[in-house]
Amino acid sequence: LTDVYSSSPALGRYFRSAQVAYFSNESSTVFYQLEFSVPPSTEGFMENTMNPDFIRNVLRQNIYDED
């Protein structure tokens, strides 16, 4: 995840770290905590760039590009 987000043209400059917040062998589930450093209040920035769907889609696009 660190490579994906740090090299993202859209999020790379804001990305700081990724760490495992929870891991379960039983269900093969991993929750990650992503840390971003965001600029002072910029109109639409949090609603658009830091939108959870947008952040997931950056990862999704990276997975598609690998295939």
Protein backbone atom coordinates (compact mmCIF):
# COMPACT_ATOMS: atom_id res chain seq x y z
CA LEU A 1 0.00 0.00 0.00
CA THR A 2 2.83 2.36 0.75
CA ASP A 3 4.13 2.08 -2.82
CA VAL A 4 0.64 2.45 -4.31
CA TYR A 5 -0.27 5.62 -2.47
CA SER A 6 3.16 7.28 -2.39
CA SER A 7 3.47 6.91 -6.18
CA SER A 8 -0.10 8.03 -6.92
CA PRO A 9 -0.23 11.23 -8.99
CA ALA A 10 -3.41 12.26 -7.16
CA LEU A 11 -2.51 11.30 -3.58
CA GLY A 12 1.28 10.86 -3.44
CA ARG A 13 2.06 14.33 -2.14
CA TYR A 14 -0.43 13.90 0.72
CA PHE A 15 0.31 10.28 1.68
CA ARG A 16 2.33 9.73 4.87
CA SER A 17 1.97 6.10 6.00
CA ALA A 18 0.00 2.85 5.99
CA GLN A 19 -0.13 0.43 8.86
CA VAL A 20 -2.09 -2.67 9.78
CA ALA A 21 -4.83 -1.73 12.25
CA TYR A 22 -6.34 -5.23 12.52
CA PHE A 23 -5.49 -8.66 11.13
CA SER A 24 -7.44 -11.92 11.33
CA ASN A 25 -6.02 -15.23 10.12
CA GLU A 26 -9.39 -16.84 10.66
CA SER A 27 -11.25 -14.74 8.11
CA SER A 28 -8.28 -13.46 6.07
CA THR A 29 -9.28 -9.90 6.92
CA VAL A 30 -6.91 -6.96 7.19
CA PHE A 31 -7.83 -3.40 8.10
CA TYR A 32 -5.30 -0.71 7.28
CA GLN A 33 -4.97 2.76 8.68
CA LEU A 34 -3.85 5.23 6.05
CA GLU A 35 -2.39 8.57 7.11
CA PHE A 36 -2.50 11.61 4.87
CA SER A 37 -1.27 15.14 5.50
CA VAL A 38 -3.84 17.47 4.03
CA PRO A 39 -3.49 21.17 3.28
CA PRO A 40 -5.46 23.78 5.22
CA SER A 41 -9.12 23.96 4.33
CA THR A 42 -9.41 24.02 0.56
CA GLU A 43 -12.85 24.12 -0.96
CA GLY A 44 -13.92 20.64 -2.05
CA PHE A 45 -10.61 18.99 -1.15
CA MET A 46 -11.93 16.75 1.64
CA GLU A 47 -15.16 15.98 -0.22
CA ASN A 48 -13.40 15.07 -3.47
CA THR A 49 -9.74 14.09 -3.09
CA MET A 50 -10.01 12.60 0.41
CA ASN A 51 -13.32 10.92 -0.37
CA PRO A 52 -13.11 7.25 0.77
CA ASP A 53 -14.40 6.07 -2.62
CA PHE A 54 -11.69 8.02 -4.43
CA ILE A 55 -8.99 6.59 -2.14
CA ARG A 56 -10.30 3.03 -2.72
CA ASN A 57 -10.39 3.63 -6.46
CA VAL A 58 -6.70 4.59 -6.49
CA LEU A 59 -5.92 1.17 -5.03
CA ARG A 60 -8.41 -0.56 -7.33
CA GLN A 61 -6.86 1.08 -10.42
CA ASN A 62 -3.40 -0.05 -9.30
CA ILE A 63 -4.65 -3.64 -9.01
CA TYR A 64 -6.20 -3.47 -12.51
CA ASP A 65 -2.98 -2.02 -13.91
CA GLU A 66 -1.00 -4.96 -12.46
CA ASP A 67 -3.15 -7.48 -14.36
